[in-house]
């Protein structure tokens, strides 16, 4: 039993850190705020204003990052529990439930990041924990430690039911 802590700076780094370790873990909690998109090209040097010429202002073209949580769900071992997170701004529970099913997750933690006091820039959160096999659990606005405890309690309950 243990916890792997690996420092990553990009979605590709995270995928490279997680995928080789995934099969040896009973529970995988994908709580990082990974980017949905990344720049399509990365300059190998500073882009100077005088280099732009007739092009005018530079444009950043984005491309989707690979959603390796889908890969984890597809190759999930018997008894393994995979938890995902869904930061949403509209149709929060419905969108999260779709992700839960599409990605073959066991639990997904949905939060409305547009709500007051919730999400990335706050020490508090309010979430709904959705399960593929049991009732949803709503956690009202509270500190993030309490949310983490509720998520881990849901994992323990799920593993106890198996």
N, C-alpha and C. Protein backbone atom coordinates (compact mmCIF):
# COMPACT_ATOMS: atom_id res chain seq x y z
N UNK A 1 0.85 -1.18 0.00
CA UNK A 1 0.00 0.00 0.00
C UNK A 1 0.89 1.22 0.00
N UNK A 2 0.53 2.21 -0.79
CA UNK A 2 1.34 3.41 -0.84
C UNK A 2 0.72 4.44 -1.73
N UNK A 3 1.37 5.56 -1.78
CA UNK A 3 0.94 6.68 -2.60
C UNK A 3 2.13 7.10 -3.45
N UNK A 4 1.91 7.26 -4.74
CA UNK A 4 2.95 7.78 -5.62
C UNK A 4 2.75 9.28 -5.79
N UNK A 5 3.79 10.05 -5.57
CA UNK A 5 3.75 11.49 -5.79
C UNK A 5 4.80 11.80 -6.85
N UNK A 6 4.34 12.34 -7.98
CA UNK A 6 5.23 12.65 -9.09
C UNK A 6 4.94 14.08 -9.53
N UNK A 7 5.98 14.88 -9.66
CA UNK A 7 5.79 16.25 -10.12
C UNK A 7 5.65 16.27 -11.64
N UNK A 8 4.62 16.96 -12.10
CA UNK A 8 4.39 17.09 -13.54
C UNK A 8 4.09 18.55 -13.86
N UNK A 9 4.36 18.95 -15.10
CA UNK A 9 4.08 20.32 -15.51
C UNK A 9 3.15 20.40 -16.71
N UNK A 10 2.81 19.26 -17.30
CA UNK A 10 1.93 19.28 -18.46
C UNK A 10 1.03 18.05 -18.44
N UNK A 11 0.02 18.08 -19.27
CA UNK A 11 -0.87 16.93 -19.39
C UNK A 11 -0.10 15.71 -19.89
N UNK A 12 0.84 15.92 -20.80
CA UNK A 12 1.66 14.81 -21.31
C UNK A 12 2.53 14.23 -20.20
N UNK A 13 3.08 15.09 -19.34
CA UNK A 13 3.86 14.60 -18.19
C UNK A 13 2.99 13.76 -17.27
N UNK A 14 1.77 14.23 -17.03
CA UNK A 14 0.87 13.50 -16.15
C UNK A 14 0.54 12.13 -16.73
N UNK A 15 0.25 12.09 -18.01
CA UNK A 15 -0.04 10.81 -18.66
C UNK A 15 1.16 9.86 -18.55
N UNK A 16 2.36 10.39 -18.79
CA UNK A 16 3.57 9.56 -18.71
C UNK A 16 3.82 9.07 -17.29
N UNK A 17 3.39 9.82 -16.29
CA UNK A 17 3.58 9.40 -14.91
C UNK A 17 2.52 8.40 -14.46
N UNK A 18 1.29 8.57 -14.92
CA UNK A 18 0.17 7.75 -14.44
C UNK A 18 0.08 6.40 -15.16
N UNK A 19 0.14 6.41 -16.46
CA UNK A 19 -0.18 5.19 -17.22
C UNK A 19 0.69 3.98 -16.86
N UNK A 20 2.00 4.11 -16.71
CA UNK A 20 2.79 2.93 -16.37
C UNK A 20 2.53 2.39 -14.96
N UNK A 21 1.98 3.24 -14.08
CA UNK A 21 1.74 2.85 -12.69
C UNK A 21 0.31 2.36 -12.46
N UNK A 22 -0.58 2.63 -13.36
CA UNK A 22 -2.02 2.43 -13.13
C UNK A 22 -2.39 1.00 -12.77
N UNK A 23 -1.83 0.04 -13.46
CA UNK A 23 -2.24 -1.35 -13.25
C UNK A 23 -1.89 -1.87 -11.86
N UNK A 24 -0.93 -1.26 -11.20
CA UNK A 24 -0.50 -1.75 -9.89
C UNK A 24 -1.21 -1.06 -8.72
N UNK A 25 -2.23 -0.25 -9.01
CA UNK A 25 -2.95 0.46 -7.96
C UNK A 25 -4.42 0.04 -7.91
N UNK A 26 -4.94 -0.10 -6.69
CA UNK A 26 -6.34 -0.47 -6.50
C UNK A 26 -7.28 0.71 -6.69
N UNK A 27 -6.79 1.91 -6.38
CA UNK A 27 -7.60 3.12 -6.47
C UNK A 27 -6.78 4.19 -7.18
N UNK A 28 -7.40 4.84 -8.15
CA UNK A 28 -6.77 5.96 -8.84
C UNK A 28 -7.72 7.14 -8.74
N UNK A 29 -7.23 8.23 -8.14
CA UNK A 29 -8.03 9.45 -7.99
C UNK A 29 -7.40 10.51 -8.88
N UNK A 30 -8.11 10.88 -9.92
CA UNK A 30 -7.60 11.85 -10.89
C UNK A 30 -8.17 13.23 -10.56
N UNK A 31 -7.58 13.87 -9.54
CA UNK A 31 -8.10 15.12 -9.02
C UNK A 31 -7.42 16.36 -9.60
N UNK A 32 -6.43 16.19 -10.44
CA UNK A 32 -5.70 17.34 -10.97
C UNK A 32 -6.54 18.12 -11.97
N UNK A 33 -6.33 19.41 -12.01
CA UNK A 33 -7.01 20.25 -12.99
C UNK A 33 -6.19 20.25 -14.27
N UNK A 34 -6.32 19.19 -15.02
CA UNK A 34 -5.55 19.02 -16.24
C UNK A 34 -6.18 19.88 -17.35
N UNK A 35 -5.38 20.34 -18.25
CA UNK A 35 -5.86 21.19 -19.34
C UNK A 35 -6.60 20.37 -20.39
N UNK A 36 -7.68 20.90 -20.90
CA UNK A 36 -8.40 20.26 -22.00
C UNK A 36 -7.72 20.55 -23.34
N UNK A 37 -6.99 21.67 -23.39
CA UNK A 37 -6.32 22.08 -24.63
C UNK A 37 -4.91 22.52 -24.33
N UNK A 38 -4.07 22.50 -25.37
CA UNK A 38 -2.69 22.97 -25.27
C UNK A 38 -2.35 23.70 -26.57
N UNK A 39 -1.30 24.52 -26.55
CA UNK A 39 -0.90 25.17 -27.80
C UNK A 39 -0.50 24.12 -28.84
N UNK A 40 -0.94 24.31 -30.07
CA UNK A 40 -0.62 23.36 -31.14
C UNK A 40 0.87 23.38 -31.46
N UNK A 41 1.50 24.54 -31.36
CA UNK A 41 2.95 24.63 -31.57
C UNK A 41 3.54 25.44 -30.43
N UNK A 42 4.76 25.10 -30.08
CA UNK A 42 5.46 25.80 -29.01
C UNK A 42 6.74 26.37 -29.60
N UNK A 43 6.90 27.66 -29.46
CA UNK A 43 8.10 28.31 -30.00
C UNK A 43 9.32 27.85 -29.23
N UNK A 44 10.42 27.68 -29.94
CA UNK A 44 11.66 27.26 -29.28
C UNK A 44 12.50 28.47 -28.87
N UNK A 45 11.95 29.66 -29.09
CA UNK A 45 12.64 30.88 -28.71
C UNK A 45 11.60 31.98 -28.47
N UNK A 46 12.04 33.06 -27.88
CA UNK A 46 11.15 34.19 -27.66
C UNK A 46 10.69 34.74 -29.02
N UNK A 47 9.41 34.98 -29.14
CA UNK A 47 8.89 35.59 -30.37
C UNK A 47 8.94 37.10 -30.18
N UNK A 48 9.78 37.73 -30.98
CA UNK A 48 9.97 39.17 -30.86
C UNK A 48 8.95 39.90 -31.75
N UNK A 49 8.54 41.05 -31.29
CA UNK A 49 7.56 41.83 -32.04
C UNK A 49 8.00 42.10 -33.46
N UNK A 50 9.28 42.41 -33.66
CA UNK A 50 9.75 42.74 -35.01
C UNK A 50 9.84 41.52 -35.93
N UNK A 51 9.70 40.30 -35.37
CA UNK A 51 9.70 39.08 -36.20
C UNK A 51 8.35 38.84 -36.86
N UNK A 52 7.30 39.48 -36.36
CA UNK A 52 5.95 39.21 -36.85
C UNK A 52 5.69 39.80 -38.23
N UNK A 53 6.31 40.93 -38.51
CA UNK A 53 6.16 41.54 -39.83
C UNK A 53 4.71 41.77 -40.19
N UNK A 54 4.32 41.34 -41.39
CA UNK A 54 2.97 41.57 -41.90
C UNK A 54 1.93 40.72 -41.20
N UNK A 55 2.34 39.74 -40.43
CA UNK A 55 1.39 38.86 -39.75
C UNK A 55 0.59 39.59 -38.68
N UNK A 56 1.11 40.70 -38.19
CA UNK A 56 0.42 41.41 -37.12
C UNK A 56 0.61 40.71 -35.79
N UNK A 57 -0.46 40.66 -35.00
CA UNK A 57 -0.38 40.02 -33.69
C UNK A 57 -0.34 38.50 -33.84
N UNK A 58 0.43 37.83 -32.98
CA UNK A 58 0.48 36.37 -33.05
C UNK A 58 -0.84 35.75 -32.60
N UNK A 59 -1.15 34.61 -33.11
CA UNK A 59 -2.35 33.86 -32.75
C UNK A 59 -1.92 32.55 -32.10
N UNK A 60 -2.59 32.19 -31.06
CA UNK A 60 -2.32 30.92 -30.41
C UNK A 60 -3.40 29.94 -30.85
N UNK A 61 -2.97 28.90 -31.53
CA UNK A 61 -3.88 27.86 -31.99
C UNK A 61 -3.83 26.72 -30.97
N UNK A 62 -4.99 26.29 -30.53
CA UNK A 62 -5.07 25.24 -29.52
C UNK A 62 -5.47 23.92 -30.14
N UNK A 63 -5.01 22.83 -29.50
CA UNK A 63 -5.43 21.49 -29.89
C UNK A 63 -5.79 20.74 -28.61
N UNK A 64 -6.68 19.77 -28.71
CA UNK A 64 -7.07 19.05 -27.49
C UNK A 64 -5.93 18.20 -26.95
N UNK A 65 -5.87 18.11 -25.62
CA UNK A 65 -4.93 17.18 -25.00
C UNK A 65 -5.57 15.80 -25.04
N UNK A 66 -4.75 14.78 -24.98
CA UNK A 66 -5.27 13.42 -24.97
C UNK A 66 -5.92 13.16 -23.61
N UNK A 67 -7.15 12.68 -23.61
CA UNK A 67 -7.87 12.39 -22.38
C UNK A 67 -7.56 10.97 -21.94
N UNK A 68 -6.44 10.80 -21.24
CA UNK A 68 -6.01 9.46 -20.88
C UNK A 68 -6.85 8.86 -19.76
N UNK A 69 -7.74 9.64 -19.15
CA UNK A 69 -8.68 9.06 -18.20
C UNK A 69 -9.60 8.07 -18.92
N UNK A 70 -9.88 8.32 -20.18
CA UNK A 70 -10.64 7.37 -21.00
C UNK A 70 -9.86 6.05 -21.10
N UNK A 71 -8.56 6.15 -21.33
CA UNK A 71 -7.72 4.95 -21.42
C UNK A 71 -7.73 4.18 -20.11
N UNK A 72 -7.64 4.90 -18.99
CA UNK A 72 -7.67 4.23 -17.69
C UNK A 72 -8.98 3.48 -17.50
N UNK A 73 -10.08 4.11 -17.88
CA UNK A 73 -11.38 3.45 -17.75
C UNK A 73 -11.52 2.23 -18.64
N UNK A 74 -10.96 2.30 -19.84
CA UNK A 74 -11.04 1.18 -20.77
C UNK A 74 -10.24 -0.02 -20.31
N UNK A 75 -9.13 0.21 -19.65
CA UNK A 75 -8.27 -0.91 -19.26
C UNK A 75 -8.34 -1.21 -17.76
N UNK A 76 -9.37 -0.66 -17.10
CA UNK A 76 -9.54 -0.83 -15.66
C UNK A 76 -9.57 -2.30 -15.27
N UNK A 77 -8.77 -2.65 -14.27
CA UNK A 77 -8.70 -4.03 -13.79
C UNK A 77 -9.92 -4.34 -12.91
N UNK A 78 -10.26 -5.59 -12.83
CA UNK A 78 -11.36 -6.03 -11.98
C UNK A 78 -11.10 -5.59 -10.55
N UNK A 79 -12.05 -4.90 -9.95
CA UNK A 79 -11.91 -4.44 -8.58
C UNK A 79 -11.24 -3.08 -8.43
N UNK A 80 -10.61 -2.60 -9.47
CA UNK A 80 -9.95 -1.29 -9.41
C UNK A 80 -11.02 -0.20 -9.40
N UNK A 81 -10.77 0.86 -8.63
CA UNK A 81 -11.68 1.99 -8.54
C UNK A 81 -11.00 3.21 -9.16
N UNK A 82 -11.69 3.83 -10.09
CA UNK A 82 -11.16 5.05 -10.72
C UNK A 82 -12.13 6.19 -10.46
N UNK A 83 -11.58 7.28 -9.92
CA UNK A 83 -12.35 8.46 -9.57
C UNK A 83 -11.92 9.60 -10.48
N UNK A 84 -12.89 10.25 -11.10
CA UNK A 84 -12.62 11.42 -11.92
C UNK A 84 -13.27 12.66 -11.31
N UNK A 85 -12.91 13.80 -11.85
CA UNK A 85 -13.50 15.06 -11.40
C UNK A 85 -14.05 15.78 -12.61
N UNK A 86 -15.14 16.50 -12.41
CA UNK A 86 -15.77 17.25 -13.50
C UNK A 86 -16.02 18.68 -13.03
N UNK A 87 -15.19 19.59 -13.49
CA UNK A 87 -15.39 21.02 -13.23
C UNK A 87 -16.31 21.52 -14.33
N UNK A 88 -17.50 21.92 -13.96
CA UNK A 88 -18.52 22.29 -14.94
C UNK A 88 -19.06 23.68 -14.63
N UNK A 89 -19.73 24.28 -15.61
CA UNK A 89 -20.39 25.58 -15.41
C UNK A 89 -21.87 25.54 -15.78
N UNK A 90 -22.28 24.51 -16.51
CA UNK A 90 -23.69 24.35 -16.88
C UNK A 90 -24.05 22.87 -16.80
N UNK A 91 -25.30 22.58 -16.53
CA UNK A 91 -25.78 21.19 -16.48
C UNK A 91 -24.78 20.29 -15.76
N UNK A 92 -24.40 20.71 -14.57
CA UNK A 92 -23.28 20.11 -13.85
C UNK A 92 -23.45 18.61 -13.65
N UNK A 93 -24.55 18.19 -13.05
CA UNK A 93 -24.74 16.77 -12.76
C UNK A 93 -24.92 15.97 -14.04
N UNK A 94 -25.66 16.50 -14.99
CA UNK A 94 -25.88 15.78 -16.25
C UNK A 94 -24.58 15.60 -17.02
N UNK A 95 -23.78 16.65 -17.10
CA UNK A 95 -22.49 16.55 -17.80
C UNK A 95 -21.55 15.58 -17.09
N UNK A 96 -21.54 15.64 -15.77
CA UNK A 96 -20.68 14.74 -15.00
C UNK A 96 -21.13 13.29 -15.18
N UNK A 97 -22.44 13.05 -15.15
CA UNK A 97 -22.93 11.69 -15.33
C UNK A 97 -22.54 11.14 -16.71
N UNK A 98 -22.58 11.99 -17.72
CA UNK A 98 -22.14 11.57 -19.05
C UNK A 98 -20.67 11.17 -19.05
N UNK A 99 -19.83 11.95 -18.36
CA UNK A 99 -18.41 11.62 -18.27
C UNK A 99 -18.19 10.33 -17.50
N UNK A 100 -18.95 10.14 -16.44
CA UNK A 100 -18.85 8.92 -15.63
C UNK A 100 -19.06 7.69 -16.51
N UNK A 101 -20.09 7.75 -17.35
CA UNK A 101 -20.42 6.62 -18.21
C UNK A 101 -19.45 6.48 -19.38
N UNK A 102 -19.16 7.59 -20.07
CA UNK A 102 -18.28 7.56 -21.25
C UNK A 102 -16.88 7.07 -20.91
N UNK A 103 -16.41 7.46 -19.72
CA UNK A 103 -15.03 7.15 -19.35
C UNK A 103 -14.92 5.89 -18.50
N UNK A 104 -16.06 5.22 -18.25
CA UNK A 104 -16.09 3.98 -17.48
C UNK A 104 -15.48 4.17 -16.09
N UNK A 105 -15.89 5.25 -15.41
CA UNK A 105 -15.40 5.54 -14.07
C UNK A 105 -16.31 4.90 -13.04
N UNK A 106 -15.81 4.80 -11.82
CA UNK A 106 -16.62 4.30 -10.72
C UNK A 106 -17.28 5.44 -9.96
N UNK A 107 -16.55 6.54 -9.82
CA UNK A 107 -17.05 7.74 -9.16
C UNK A 107 -16.60 8.95 -9.95
N UNK A 108 -17.42 10.00 -9.90
CA UNK A 108 -16.98 11.28 -10.45
C UNK A 108 -17.46 12.36 -9.50
N UNK A 109 -16.60 13.33 -9.25
CA UNK A 109 -16.88 14.42 -8.34
C UNK A 109 -17.18 15.64 -9.20
N UNK A 110 -18.42 16.09 -9.15
CA UNK A 110 -18.86 17.21 -9.99
C UNK A 110 -18.95 18.47 -9.16
N UNK A 111 -18.40 19.56 -9.72
CA UNK A 111 -18.60 20.84 -9.06
C UNK A 111 -18.82 21.94 -10.08
N UNK A 112 -19.66 22.87 -9.68
CA UNK A 112 -20.00 24.03 -10.51
C UNK A 112 -18.97 25.11 -10.21
N UNK A 113 -17.96 25.21 -11.05
CA UNK A 113 -16.87 26.15 -10.79
C UNK A 113 -17.27 27.60 -11.01
N UNK A 114 -18.50 27.84 -11.48
CA UNK A 114 -18.98 29.22 -11.61
C UNK A 114 -19.72 29.68 -10.37
N UNK A 115 -19.98 28.79 -9.42
CA UNK A 115 -20.72 29.14 -8.21
C UNK A 115 -19.83 29.92 -7.23
N UNK A 116 -20.45 30.72 -6.40
CA UNK A 116 -19.70 31.50 -5.40
C UNK A 116 -19.02 30.59 -4.40
N UNK A 117 -17.75 30.86 -4.12
CA UNK A 117 -17.00 30.14 -3.11
C UNK A 117 -16.57 28.74 -3.50
N UNK A 118 -16.70 28.41 -4.77
CA UNK A 118 -16.44 27.05 -5.24
C UNK A 118 -15.33 27.06 -6.28
N UNK A 119 -14.52 26.02 -6.25
CA UNK A 119 -13.59 25.81 -7.35
C UNK A 119 -12.16 26.19 -7.08
N UNK A 120 -11.47 26.51 -8.14
CA UNK A 120 -10.02 26.62 -8.16
C UNK A 120 -9.46 27.72 -7.26
N UNK A 121 -10.09 28.85 -7.19
CA UNK A 121 -9.52 29.99 -6.48
C UNK A 121 -10.03 30.13 -5.05
N UNK A 122 -10.61 29.08 -4.52
CA UNK A 122 -11.19 29.14 -3.18
C UNK A 122 -10.67 28.00 -2.32
N UNK A 123 -10.75 28.18 -1.02
CA UNK A 123 -10.40 27.11 -0.08
C UNK A 123 -11.61 26.24 0.23
N UNK A 124 -12.73 26.57 -0.38
CA UNK A 124 -13.97 25.83 -0.16
C UNK A 124 -14.47 25.24 -1.48
N UNK A 125 -15.38 24.30 -1.35
CA UNK A 125 -15.97 23.69 -2.53
C UNK A 125 -17.32 23.12 -2.15
N UNK A 126 -18.16 22.89 -3.12
CA UNK A 126 -19.43 22.19 -2.97
C UNK A 126 -19.50 21.23 -4.15
N UNK A 127 -19.75 19.96 -3.88
CA UNK A 127 -19.68 18.97 -4.94
C UNK A 127 -20.84 17.98 -4.85
N UNK A 128 -21.03 17.27 -5.92
CA UNK A 128 -21.89 16.10 -5.93
C UNK A 128 -21.03 14.93 -6.37
N UNK A 129 -21.01 13.88 -5.56
CA UNK A 129 -20.26 12.67 -5.89
C UNK A 129 -21.23 11.70 -6.54
N UNK A 130 -20.98 11.40 -7.81
CA UNK A 130 -21.84 10.49 -8.55
C UNK A 130 -21.16 9.13 -8.64
N UNK A 131 -21.96 8.10 -8.55
CA UNK A 131 -21.44 6.74 -8.59
C UNK A 131 -22.12 5.98 -9.72
N UNK A 132 -21.40 5.03 -10.28
CA UNK A 132 -21.98 4.18 -11.31
C UNK A 132 -22.96 3.18 -10.71
N UNK A 133 -22.89 2.96 -9.39
CA UNK A 133 -23.70 1.89 -8.78
C UNK A 133 -24.55 2.31 -7.60
N UNK A 134 -24.43 3.54 -7.10
CA UNK A 134 -25.22 3.93 -5.93
C UNK A 134 -25.73 5.36 -6.08
N UNK A 135 -26.42 5.82 -5.04
CA UNK A 135 -27.02 7.15 -5.07
C UNK A 135 -25.96 8.24 -5.05
N UNK A 136 -26.33 9.40 -5.58
CA UNK A 136 -25.45 10.56 -5.56
C UNK A 136 -25.32 11.07 -4.12
N UNK A 137 -24.18 11.68 -3.84
CA UNK A 137 -23.92 12.26 -2.53
C UNK A 137 -23.64 13.74 -2.74
N UNK A 138 -24.47 14.61 -2.14
CA UNK A 138 -24.26 16.05 -2.25
C UNK A 138 -23.52 16.56 -1.03
N UNK A 139 -22.47 17.32 -1.28
CA UNK A 139 -21.68 17.92 -0.22
C UNK A 139 -21.82 19.44 -0.37
N UNK A 140 -22.46 20.07 0.61
CA UNK A 140 -22.64 21.52 0.58
C UNK A 140 -21.32 22.24 0.76
N UNK A 141 -21.35 23.55 0.62
CA UNK A 141 -20.14 24.37 0.70
C UNK A 141 -19.40 24.09 2.00
N UNK A 142 -18.16 23.66 1.87
CA UNK A 142 -17.33 23.31 3.01
C UNK A 142 -15.87 23.42 2.61
N UNK A 143 -14.96 23.19 3.54
CA UNK A 143 -13.55 23.25 3.19
C UNK A 143 -13.16 22.04 2.35
N UNK A 144 -12.08 22.17 1.62
CA UNK A 144 -11.68 21.13 0.67
C UNK A 144 -11.22 19.85 1.36
N UNK A 145 -10.76 19.93 2.59
CA UNK A 145 -10.41 18.71 3.34
C UNK A 145 -11.66 17.86 3.57
N UNK A 146 -12.76 18.50 3.91
CA UNK A 146 -14.02 17.77 4.13
C UNK A 146 -14.50 17.14 2.83
N UNK A 147 -14.30 17.84 1.72
CA UNK A 147 -14.66 17.26 0.41
C UNK A 147 -13.79 16.05 0.13
N UNK A 148 -12.48 16.17 0.36
CA UNK A 148 -11.57 15.04 0.14
C UNK A 148 -11.96 13.85 1.00
N UNK A 149 -12.32 14.09 2.25
CA UNK A 149 -12.74 13.01 3.14
C UNK A 149 -14.00 12.34 2.60
N UNK A 150 -14.95 13.12 2.13
CA UNK A 150 -16.18 12.56 1.58
C UNK A 150 -15.89 11.70 0.34
N UNK A 151 -14.96 12.15 -0.50
CA UNK A 151 -14.59 11.38 -1.69
C UNK A 151 -13.95 10.06 -1.27
N UNK A 152 -13.02 10.11 -0.33
CA UNK A 152 -12.37 8.88 0.13
C UNK A 152 -13.36 7.96 0.84
N UNK A 153 -14.30 8.53 1.60
CA UNK A 153 -15.35 7.70 2.22
C UNK A 153 -16.18 6.99 1.15
N UNK A 154 -16.46 7.68 0.04
CA UNK A 154 -17.22 7.06 -1.05
C UNK A 154 -16.42 5.93 -1.69
N UNK A 155 -15.11 6.12 -1.82
CA UNK A 155 -14.25 5.06 -2.36
C UNK A 155 -14.27 3.85 -1.43
N UNK A 156 -14.12 4.09 -0.13
CA UNK A 156 -14.13 2.99 0.84
C UNK A 156 -15.46 2.25 0.81
N UNK A 157 -16.56 2.99 0.76
CA UNK A 157 -17.88 2.36 0.71
C UNK A 157 -18.03 1.52 -0.56
N UNK A 158 -17.56 2.03 -1.65
CA UNK A 158 -17.64 1.30 -2.92
C UNK A 158 -16.82 0.01 -2.87
N UNK A 159 -15.62 0.11 -2.33
CA UNK A 159 -14.76 -1.09 -2.23
C UNK A 159 -15.33 -2.08 -1.22
N UNK A 160 -15.99 -1.60 -0.18
CA UNK A 160 -16.59 -2.50 0.81
C UNK A 160 -17.77 -3.27 0.22
N UNK A 161 -18.48 -2.63 -0.70
CA UNK A 161 -19.63 -3.28 -1.35
C UNK A 161 -19.23 -4.38 -2.31
N UNK A 162 -17.98 -4.36 -2.73
CA UNK A 162 -17.53 -5.33 -3.74
C UNK A 162 -17.16 -6.58 -3.08
